[in-house]
């Protein structure tokens, strides 16, 4: 299936799955995460289930959740 979809097709499938999940946790400063958050907002998902990010290593708490920048669609 990977050969049929190629890398770009797999990325599109990943984005669709993430956009429709009950909860999304992305990575900070990621274009991929930003696009999923944008799509989830358009789909009407609650912000508390959409704007969650891993920040990486913060004060030796690797993988800690941190505040996400919320680029809200108005």
N, C-alpha and C. Protein backbone atom coordinates (compact mmCIF):
# COMPACT_ATOMS: atom_id res chain seq x y z
N UNK A 1 0.82 -1.20 0.00
CA UNK A 1 0.00 0.00 0.00
C UNK A 1 0.85 1.26 0.00
N UNK A 2 2.01 1.19 0.67
CA UNK A 2 2.90 2.35 0.69
C UNK A 2 3.36 2.70 -0.73
N UNK A 3 3.65 1.68 -1.51
CA UNK A 3 4.08 1.93 -2.89
C UNK A 3 2.96 2.54 -3.72
N UNK A 4 1.72 2.15 -3.44
CA UNK A 4 0.58 2.70 -4.19
C UNK A 4 0.31 4.15 -3.79
N UNK A 5 0.40 4.44 -2.49
CA UNK A 5 0.09 5.79 -2.01
C UNK A 5 1.28 6.75 -2.09
N UNK A 6 2.46 6.22 -2.01
CA UNK A 6 3.69 7.01 -1.93
C UNK A 6 3.69 7.81 -0.63
N UNK A 7 4.78 8.51 -0.36
CA UNK A 7 4.91 9.26 0.89
C UNK A 7 3.85 10.35 1.03
N UNK A 8 3.56 11.05 -0.05
CA UNK A 8 2.58 12.13 0.00
C UNK A 8 1.18 11.60 0.34
N UNK A 9 0.83 10.48 -0.23
CA UNK A 9 -0.48 9.88 0.06
C UNK A 9 -0.59 9.43 1.50
N UNK A 10 0.50 8.86 2.03
CA UNK A 10 0.51 8.44 3.43
C UNK A 10 0.35 9.66 4.34
N UNK A 11 0.99 10.77 4.00
CA UNK A 11 0.85 12.01 4.79
C UNK A 11 -0.59 12.50 4.79
N UNK A 12 -1.27 12.40 3.68
CA UNK A 12 -2.67 12.82 3.60
C UNK A 12 -3.54 11.93 4.47
N UNK A 13 -3.31 10.63 4.44
CA UNK A 13 -4.06 9.70 5.29
C UNK A 13 -3.80 10.02 6.76
N UNK A 14 -2.54 10.25 7.12
CA UNK A 14 -2.20 10.62 8.50
C UNK A 14 -2.95 11.88 8.93
N UNK A 15 -3.00 12.87 8.06
CA UNK A 15 -3.68 14.12 8.39
C UNK A 15 -5.18 13.91 8.58
N UNK A 16 -5.80 13.11 7.75
CA UNK A 16 -7.23 12.83 7.88
C UNK A 16 -7.53 12.13 9.19
N UNK A 17 -6.72 11.13 9.53
CA UNK A 17 -6.91 10.38 10.78
C UNK A 17 -6.77 11.32 11.97
N UNK A 18 -5.72 12.13 11.98
CA UNK A 18 -5.48 13.06 13.10
C UNK A 18 -6.58 14.11 13.20
N UNK A 19 -7.05 14.60 12.08
CA UNK A 19 -8.07 15.65 12.08
C UNK A 19 -9.41 15.15 12.62
N UNK A 20 -9.68 13.86 12.49
CA UNK A 20 -10.97 13.32 12.92
C UNK A 20 -10.91 12.55 14.24
N UNK A 21 -9.76 12.54 14.88
CA UNK A 21 -9.60 11.82 16.16
C UNK A 21 -10.33 12.57 17.29
N UNK A 22 -10.67 11.86 18.36
CA UNK A 22 -11.32 12.50 19.51
C UNK A 22 -10.43 13.53 20.16
N UNK A 23 -9.12 13.25 20.20
CA UNK A 23 -8.14 14.12 20.83
C UNK A 23 -6.92 14.20 19.94
N UNK A 24 -6.41 15.41 19.77
CA UNK A 24 -5.18 15.59 18.99
C UNK A 24 -4.13 16.25 19.87
N UNK A 25 -2.93 15.67 19.87
CA UNK A 25 -1.77 16.25 20.54
C UNK A 25 -0.67 16.33 19.50
N UNK A 26 -0.31 17.55 19.14
CA UNK A 26 0.71 17.75 18.12
C UNK A 26 2.04 18.14 18.72
N UNK A 27 2.88 18.72 17.88
CA UNK A 27 4.17 19.22 18.34
C UNK A 27 4.23 20.72 18.09
N UNK A 28 4.92 21.40 18.98
CA UNK A 28 5.00 22.85 18.91
C UNK A 28 5.77 23.28 17.66
N UNK A 29 5.31 24.34 17.02
CA UNK A 29 5.96 24.92 15.84
C UNK A 29 5.97 23.99 14.64
N UNK A 30 5.02 23.07 14.56
CA UNK A 30 4.94 22.13 13.45
C UNK A 30 3.86 22.56 12.46
N UNK A 31 4.23 22.66 11.20
CA UNK A 31 3.25 22.99 10.16
C UNK A 31 2.19 21.90 10.06
N UNK A 32 2.60 20.65 10.20
CA UNK A 32 1.67 19.52 10.15
C UNK A 32 0.62 19.67 11.26
N UNK A 33 1.07 19.95 12.49
CA UNK A 33 0.16 20.12 13.62
C UNK A 33 -0.76 21.33 13.40
N UNK A 34 -0.19 22.41 12.89
CA UNK A 34 -0.98 23.62 12.64
C UNK A 34 -2.12 23.33 11.66
N UNK A 35 -1.83 22.63 10.59
CA UNK A 35 -2.87 22.32 9.58
C UNK A 35 -3.96 21.42 10.17
N UNK A 36 -3.57 20.48 11.01
CA UNK A 36 -4.56 19.60 11.64
C UNK A 36 -5.43 20.41 12.60
N UNK A 37 -4.81 21.28 13.40
CA UNK A 37 -5.58 22.13 14.32
C UNK A 37 -6.55 23.01 13.55
N UNK A 38 -6.10 23.55 12.44
CA UNK A 38 -6.95 24.39 11.59
C UNK A 38 -8.14 23.59 11.07
N UNK A 39 -7.88 22.40 10.58
CA UNK A 39 -8.95 21.56 10.05
C UNK A 39 -9.92 21.15 11.15
N UNK A 40 -9.39 20.79 12.33
CA UNK A 40 -10.25 20.40 13.45
C UNK A 40 -11.15 21.55 13.88
N UNK A 41 -10.62 22.77 13.85
CA UNK A 41 -11.44 23.92 14.20
C UNK A 41 -12.57 24.10 13.17
N UNK A 42 -12.26 23.94 11.90
CA UNK A 42 -13.29 24.03 10.85
C UNK A 42 -14.34 22.93 11.01
N UNK A 43 -13.91 21.76 11.49
CA UNK A 43 -14.84 20.65 11.70
C UNK A 43 -15.66 20.79 12.98
N UNK A 44 -15.31 21.78 13.82
CA UNK A 44 -16.10 22.05 15.02
C UNK A 44 -15.66 21.32 16.27
N UNK A 45 -14.44 20.76 16.28
CA UNK A 45 -13.95 20.09 17.48
C UNK A 45 -13.69 21.12 18.58
N UNK A 46 -13.88 20.71 19.82
CA UNK A 46 -13.63 21.56 20.97
C UNK A 46 -12.14 21.93 21.04
N UNK A 47 -11.87 23.17 21.42
CA UNK A 47 -10.48 23.63 21.50
C UNK A 47 -9.66 22.83 22.50
N UNK A 48 -10.29 22.35 23.57
CA UNK A 48 -9.55 21.57 24.57
C UNK A 48 -9.11 20.21 24.03
N UNK A 49 -9.71 19.75 22.95
CA UNK A 49 -9.33 18.48 22.33
C UNK A 49 -8.50 18.69 21.07
N UNK A 50 -8.19 19.96 20.78
CA UNK A 50 -7.51 20.29 19.54
C UNK A 50 -6.15 20.95 19.75
N UNK A 51 -6.07 21.92 20.65
CA UNK A 51 -4.86 22.72 20.81
C UNK A 51 -4.00 22.19 21.96
N UNK A 52 -3.50 20.98 21.80
CA UNK A 52 -2.61 20.34 22.77
C UNK A 52 -1.30 20.03 22.06
N UNK A 53 -0.18 20.35 22.69
CA UNK A 53 1.11 20.09 22.06
C UNK A 53 2.13 19.57 23.05
N UNK A 54 3.05 18.76 22.54
CA UNK A 54 4.24 18.36 23.29
C UNK A 54 5.29 19.43 23.04
N UNK A 55 5.96 19.85 24.08
CA UNK A 55 6.99 20.88 23.93
C UNK A 55 8.40 20.30 23.93
N UNK A 56 8.54 19.04 24.18
CA UNK A 56 9.86 18.46 24.25
C UNK A 56 10.41 18.58 25.66
N UNK A 57 11.69 18.75 25.76
CA UNK A 57 12.33 18.76 27.07
C UNK A 57 12.26 20.14 27.71
N UNK A 58 11.60 20.21 28.85
CA UNK A 58 11.46 21.44 29.62
C UNK A 58 11.84 21.14 31.05
N UNK A 59 12.90 21.74 31.54
CA UNK A 59 13.34 21.54 32.92
C UNK A 59 13.40 20.06 33.29
N UNK A 60 13.99 19.26 32.43
CA UNK A 60 14.16 17.82 32.65
C UNK A 60 12.85 17.03 32.69
N UNK A 61 11.75 17.61 32.24
CA UNK A 61 10.47 16.89 32.13
C UNK A 61 10.23 16.58 30.66
N UNK A 62 10.96 15.66 30.13
CA UNK A 62 10.86 15.33 28.72
C UNK A 62 9.43 14.93 28.36
N UNK A 63 8.93 15.51 27.28
CA UNK A 63 7.59 15.18 26.82
C UNK A 63 6.49 15.92 27.55
N UNK A 64 6.81 16.94 28.32
CA UNK A 64 5.78 17.68 29.05
C UNK A 64 4.85 18.42 28.09
N UNK A 65 3.58 18.49 28.45
CA UNK A 65 2.64 19.27 27.66
C UNK A 65 2.83 20.74 27.97
N UNK A 66 2.65 21.58 26.99
CA UNK A 66 2.76 23.02 27.22
C UNK A 66 1.65 23.73 26.48
N UNK A 67 1.56 25.00 26.70
CA UNK A 67 0.52 25.83 26.07
C UNK A 67 0.77 25.93 24.58
N UNK A 68 -0.27 25.73 23.82
CA UNK A 68 -0.19 25.85 22.36
C UNK A 68 -0.63 27.25 21.96
N UNK A 69 -0.03 27.75 20.89
CA UNK A 69 -0.52 28.99 20.32
C UNK A 69 -1.81 28.66 19.59
N UNK A 70 -2.85 29.40 19.88
CA UNK A 70 -4.14 29.14 19.25
C UNK A 70 -4.38 30.16 18.15
N UNK A 71 -4.24 29.72 16.90
CA UNK A 71 -4.53 30.56 15.77
C UNK A 71 -5.98 30.28 15.37
N UNK A 72 -6.89 30.99 16.00
CA UNK A 72 -8.31 30.71 15.82
C UNK A 72 -8.85 31.32 14.53
N UNK A 73 -9.74 30.60 13.90
CA UNK A 73 -10.41 31.07 12.70
C UNK A 73 -11.64 31.85 13.15
N UNK A 74 -11.80 33.03 12.64
CA UNK A 74 -12.95 33.86 13.04
C UNK A 74 -13.90 34.04 11.90
